[in-house]
N, C-alpha and C. Protein backbone atom coordinates (compact mmCIF):
# COMPACT_ATOMS: atom_id res chain seq x y z
N MET A 1 50.11 22.87 -8.96
CA MET A 1 49.09 23.45 -9.82
C MET A 1 48.78 24.87 -9.34
N SER A 2 48.39 25.69 -10.29
CA SER A 2 48.09 27.08 -9.96
C SER A 2 46.65 27.22 -9.45
N ALA A 3 46.35 28.38 -8.89
CA ALA A 3 44.99 28.62 -8.37
C ALA A 3 43.97 28.59 -9.50
N GLY A 4 44.36 29.03 -10.69
CA GLY A 4 43.45 28.97 -11.84
C GLY A 4 43.09 27.55 -12.22
N THR A 5 44.07 26.65 -12.15
CA THR A 5 43.82 25.24 -12.45
C THR A 5 42.93 24.61 -11.39
N TRP A 6 43.20 24.92 -10.13
CA TRP A 6 42.35 24.42 -9.04
C TRP A 6 40.93 24.95 -9.17
N SER A 7 40.80 26.21 -9.58
CA SER A 7 39.48 26.80 -9.77
C SER A 7 38.69 26.04 -10.83
N LEU A 8 39.32 25.77 -11.95
CA LEU A 8 38.66 25.03 -13.01
C LEU A 8 38.27 23.63 -12.56
N LEU A 9 39.14 22.98 -11.81
CA LEU A 9 38.83 21.65 -11.28
C LEU A 9 37.64 21.70 -10.32
N CYS A 10 37.59 22.72 -9.47
CA CYS A 10 36.46 22.86 -8.53
C CYS A 10 35.16 23.11 -9.28
N ILE A 11 35.19 23.93 -10.32
CA ILE A 11 33.98 24.24 -11.07
C ILE A 11 33.45 23.00 -11.78
N TRP A 12 34.32 22.23 -12.42
CA TRP A 12 33.87 21.01 -13.11
C TRP A 12 33.39 19.95 -12.11
N THR A 13 34.02 19.91 -10.95
CA THR A 13 33.54 19.00 -9.90
C THR A 13 32.16 19.41 -9.42
N ALA A 14 31.96 20.71 -9.24
CA ALA A 14 30.64 21.21 -8.82
C ALA A 14 29.58 20.86 -9.86
N ILE A 15 29.90 21.00 -11.14
CA ILE A 15 28.94 20.66 -12.20
C ILE A 15 28.55 19.19 -12.11
N ALA A 16 29.54 18.31 -11.94
CA ALA A 16 29.25 16.87 -11.84
C ALA A 16 28.39 16.57 -10.61
N ILE A 17 28.69 17.23 -9.50
CA ILE A 17 27.91 17.00 -8.27
C ILE A 17 26.49 17.52 -8.44
N TYR A 18 26.31 18.68 -9.08
CA TYR A 18 24.98 19.21 -9.33
C TYR A 18 24.16 18.26 -10.20
N VAL A 19 24.80 17.64 -11.19
CA VAL A 19 24.10 16.67 -12.05
C VAL A 19 23.63 15.47 -11.23
N LEU A 20 24.50 14.97 -10.36
CA LEU A 20 24.11 13.85 -9.49
C LEU A 20 22.96 14.24 -8.56
N ALA A 21 23.01 15.45 -8.01
CA ALA A 21 21.93 15.91 -7.14
C ALA A 21 20.62 15.99 -7.92
N PHE A 22 20.68 16.47 -9.16
CA PHE A 22 19.50 16.54 -10.00
C PHE A 22 18.90 15.15 -10.22
N LEU A 23 19.76 14.16 -10.45
CA LEU A 23 19.27 12.80 -10.64
C LEU A 23 18.60 12.25 -9.39
N PHE A 24 19.19 12.51 -8.22
CA PHE A 24 18.58 12.04 -6.98
C PHE A 24 17.25 12.74 -6.71
N TYR A 25 17.17 14.03 -7.02
CA TYR A 25 15.89 14.73 -6.86
C TYR A 25 14.85 14.16 -7.84
N GLY A 26 15.28 13.77 -9.02
CA GLY A 26 14.37 13.14 -9.98
C GLY A 26 13.85 11.81 -9.47
N VAL A 27 14.72 11.03 -8.85
CA VAL A 27 14.29 9.76 -8.26
C VAL A 27 13.28 10.01 -7.14
N ASP A 28 13.55 10.99 -6.31
CA ASP A 28 12.62 11.33 -5.23
C ASP A 28 11.26 11.75 -5.79
N LEU A 29 11.28 12.56 -6.82
CA LEU A 29 10.03 13.01 -7.43
C LEU A 29 9.26 11.83 -8.03
N ALA A 30 9.97 10.93 -8.68
CA ALA A 30 9.32 9.76 -9.26
C ALA A 30 8.71 8.87 -8.18
N GLN A 31 9.40 8.72 -7.06
CA GLN A 31 8.86 7.91 -5.96
C GLN A 31 7.62 8.55 -5.36
N ARG A 32 7.62 9.85 -5.20
CA ARG A 32 6.47 10.53 -4.60
C ARG A 32 5.29 10.59 -5.53
N SER A 33 5.52 10.66 -6.83
CA SER A 33 4.40 10.74 -7.76
C SER A 33 3.78 9.38 -8.03
N GLY A 34 4.43 8.31 -7.61
CA GLY A 34 3.92 6.96 -7.85
C GLY A 34 2.81 6.55 -6.91
N ALA A 35 2.60 7.25 -5.82
CA ALA A 35 1.57 6.90 -4.84
C ALA A 35 0.51 7.98 -4.80
N PRO A 36 -0.54 7.84 -5.64
CA PRO A 36 -1.56 8.89 -5.66
C PRO A 36 -2.35 8.94 -4.35
N GLY A 37 -2.60 10.16 -3.92
CA GLY A 37 -3.41 10.35 -2.73
C GLY A 37 -2.67 10.23 -1.41
N SER A 38 -1.41 9.88 -1.44
CA SER A 38 -0.67 9.74 -0.19
C SER A 38 0.20 10.96 0.02
N ALA A 39 0.09 11.54 1.17
CA ALA A 39 0.91 12.71 1.52
C ALA A 39 2.17 12.22 2.19
N VAL A 40 3.29 12.53 1.60
CA VAL A 40 4.57 12.10 2.14
C VAL A 40 5.14 13.24 2.97
N HIS A 41 5.24 13.04 4.27
CA HIS A 41 5.78 14.08 5.13
C HIS A 41 7.26 13.83 5.44
N ALA A 42 7.66 12.59 5.50
CA ALA A 42 9.06 12.28 5.77
C ALA A 42 9.84 12.36 4.46
N ARG A 43 11.01 12.93 4.53
CA ARG A 43 11.83 13.05 3.33
C ARG A 43 12.45 11.70 3.00
N SER A 44 12.46 11.37 1.73
CA SER A 44 13.03 10.10 1.31
C SER A 44 14.55 10.16 1.33
N LEU A 45 15.15 9.02 1.24
CA LEU A 45 16.61 8.94 1.21
C LEU A 45 17.16 9.67 -0.02
N ALA A 46 16.48 9.52 -1.15
CA ALA A 46 16.94 10.18 -2.38
C ALA A 46 16.93 11.70 -2.22
N ALA A 47 15.91 12.25 -1.55
CA ALA A 47 15.85 13.70 -1.34
C ALA A 47 16.95 14.16 -0.41
N ARG A 48 17.24 13.39 0.61
CA ARG A 48 18.31 13.77 1.54
C ARG A 48 19.67 13.71 0.86
N ILE A 49 19.88 12.71 0.03
CA ILE A 49 21.14 12.61 -0.72
C ILE A 49 21.24 13.77 -1.70
N GLY A 50 20.13 14.09 -2.38
CA GLY A 50 20.12 15.22 -3.31
C GLY A 50 20.45 16.54 -2.62
N THR A 51 19.89 16.75 -1.43
CA THR A 51 20.18 17.96 -0.68
C THR A 51 21.64 18.01 -0.25
N SER A 52 22.16 16.90 0.23
CA SER A 52 23.57 16.84 0.63
C SER A 52 24.49 17.11 -0.56
N LEU A 53 24.17 16.53 -1.70
CA LEU A 53 24.98 16.77 -2.89
C LEU A 53 24.90 18.22 -3.36
N THR A 54 23.73 18.83 -3.22
CA THR A 54 23.59 20.23 -3.60
C THR A 54 24.47 21.12 -2.72
N ILE A 55 24.50 20.84 -1.44
CA ILE A 55 25.35 21.62 -0.53
C ILE A 55 26.82 21.41 -0.87
N LEU A 56 27.21 20.16 -1.13
CA LEU A 56 28.59 19.88 -1.51
C LEU A 56 28.95 20.57 -2.82
N GLY A 57 28.03 20.55 -3.78
CA GLY A 57 28.26 21.24 -5.04
C GLY A 57 28.43 22.73 -4.85
N PHE A 58 27.62 23.32 -3.96
CA PHE A 58 27.74 24.75 -3.68
C PHE A 58 29.11 25.07 -3.07
N VAL A 59 29.58 24.22 -2.18
CA VAL A 59 30.89 24.46 -1.55
C VAL A 59 32.00 24.41 -2.61
N CYS A 60 31.93 23.43 -3.51
CA CYS A 60 32.92 23.34 -4.60
C CYS A 60 32.81 24.54 -5.53
N HIS A 61 31.59 24.97 -5.81
CA HIS A 61 31.36 26.13 -6.67
C HIS A 61 31.94 27.39 -6.03
N LEU A 62 31.70 27.56 -4.74
CA LEU A 62 32.24 28.71 -4.01
C LEU A 62 33.76 28.68 -4.00
N ALA A 63 34.33 27.51 -3.77
CA ALA A 63 35.79 27.39 -3.79
C ALA A 63 36.35 27.74 -5.16
N GLY A 64 35.68 27.31 -6.21
CA GLY A 64 36.11 27.64 -7.57
C GLY A 64 36.09 29.13 -7.83
N ALA A 65 35.02 29.80 -7.36
CA ALA A 65 34.92 31.25 -7.56
C ALA A 65 35.99 31.99 -6.76
N LEU A 66 36.21 31.57 -5.53
CA LEU A 66 37.24 32.22 -4.70
C LEU A 66 38.63 32.00 -5.28
N LEU A 67 38.91 30.79 -5.73
CA LEU A 67 40.22 30.51 -6.32
C LEU A 67 40.41 31.27 -7.62
N ARG A 68 39.35 31.44 -8.38
CA ARG A 68 39.45 32.22 -9.62
C ARG A 68 39.78 33.68 -9.30
N GLY A 69 39.15 34.22 -8.26
CA GLY A 69 39.46 35.58 -7.84
C GLY A 69 40.89 35.72 -7.37
N MET A 70 41.37 34.73 -6.63
CA MET A 70 42.76 34.77 -6.16
C MET A 70 43.73 34.65 -7.33
N ALA A 71 43.41 33.82 -8.31
CA ALA A 71 44.31 33.63 -9.45
C ALA A 71 44.38 34.88 -10.31
N SER A 72 43.26 35.57 -10.45
CA SER A 72 43.26 36.76 -11.32
C SER A 72 43.62 38.03 -10.57
N GLY A 73 43.55 38.00 -9.25
CA GLY A 73 43.90 39.17 -8.46
C GLY A 73 42.82 40.25 -8.44
N ARG A 74 41.59 39.87 -8.77
CA ARG A 74 40.47 40.82 -8.77
C ARG A 74 39.18 40.06 -8.51
N VAL A 75 38.10 40.80 -8.44
CA VAL A 75 36.79 40.17 -8.23
C VAL A 75 36.44 39.40 -9.51
N PRO A 76 35.99 38.14 -9.38
CA PRO A 76 35.80 37.31 -10.58
C PRO A 76 34.49 37.56 -11.32
N TRP A 77 34.36 38.73 -11.96
CA TRP A 77 33.22 38.93 -12.85
C TRP A 77 33.55 39.87 -14.01
N SER A 78 34.80 39.90 -14.42
CA SER A 78 35.20 40.85 -15.47
C SER A 78 35.04 40.27 -16.88
N ASN A 79 34.93 38.97 -17.04
CA ASN A 79 34.66 38.42 -18.37
C ASN A 79 33.43 37.51 -18.28
N LEU A 80 32.96 37.02 -19.40
CA LEU A 80 31.70 36.29 -19.42
C LEU A 80 31.78 34.99 -18.61
N TYR A 81 32.91 34.29 -18.67
CA TYR A 81 33.05 33.06 -17.90
C TYR A 81 32.95 33.35 -16.41
N GLU A 82 33.68 34.33 -15.94
CA GLU A 82 33.65 34.67 -14.52
C GLU A 82 32.29 35.21 -14.09
N PHE A 83 31.67 36.01 -14.96
CA PHE A 83 30.36 36.57 -14.64
C PHE A 83 29.33 35.45 -14.51
N ALA A 84 29.36 34.49 -15.42
CA ALA A 84 28.43 33.36 -15.36
C ALA A 84 28.68 32.50 -14.14
N MET A 85 29.96 32.28 -13.82
CA MET A 85 30.32 31.46 -12.67
C MET A 85 29.84 32.14 -11.38
N THR A 86 30.09 33.43 -11.23
CA THR A 86 29.68 34.14 -10.03
C THR A 86 28.16 34.33 -9.99
N GLY A 87 27.55 34.59 -11.13
CA GLY A 87 26.11 34.76 -11.18
C GLY A 87 25.34 33.50 -10.80
N THR A 88 25.80 32.36 -11.30
CA THR A 88 25.13 31.10 -10.93
C THR A 88 25.39 30.74 -9.48
N LEU A 89 26.50 31.16 -8.95
CA LEU A 89 26.78 30.91 -7.53
C LEU A 89 25.83 31.71 -6.64
N LEU A 90 25.57 32.95 -7.01
CA LEU A 90 24.77 33.83 -6.18
C LEU A 90 23.28 33.75 -6.44
N SER A 91 22.87 33.12 -7.52
CA SER A 91 21.43 33.04 -7.82
C SER A 91 20.77 31.98 -6.95
N PRO A 92 19.53 32.23 -6.53
CA PRO A 92 18.85 31.27 -5.63
C PRO A 92 18.45 30.01 -6.34
């Protein structure tokens, strides 16, 4: 497979991982909002899984952007797809 194909695979994998992280963060939020008046200082398992998935998604996203740059032979922001991919990677 070419670097462009690997890039696309990494980007779609990152999207799926980000969705899973979002779901785990939602579970964490639902668990914390269910106990009124209690301050939760320890992070729940769902929050830790969500954070781990976010980091994994970022790594896949970064790999996709780097592979896209290698496949095109330039910095990956010359068209709207590449600009969006790089912009979402660099945004906080």
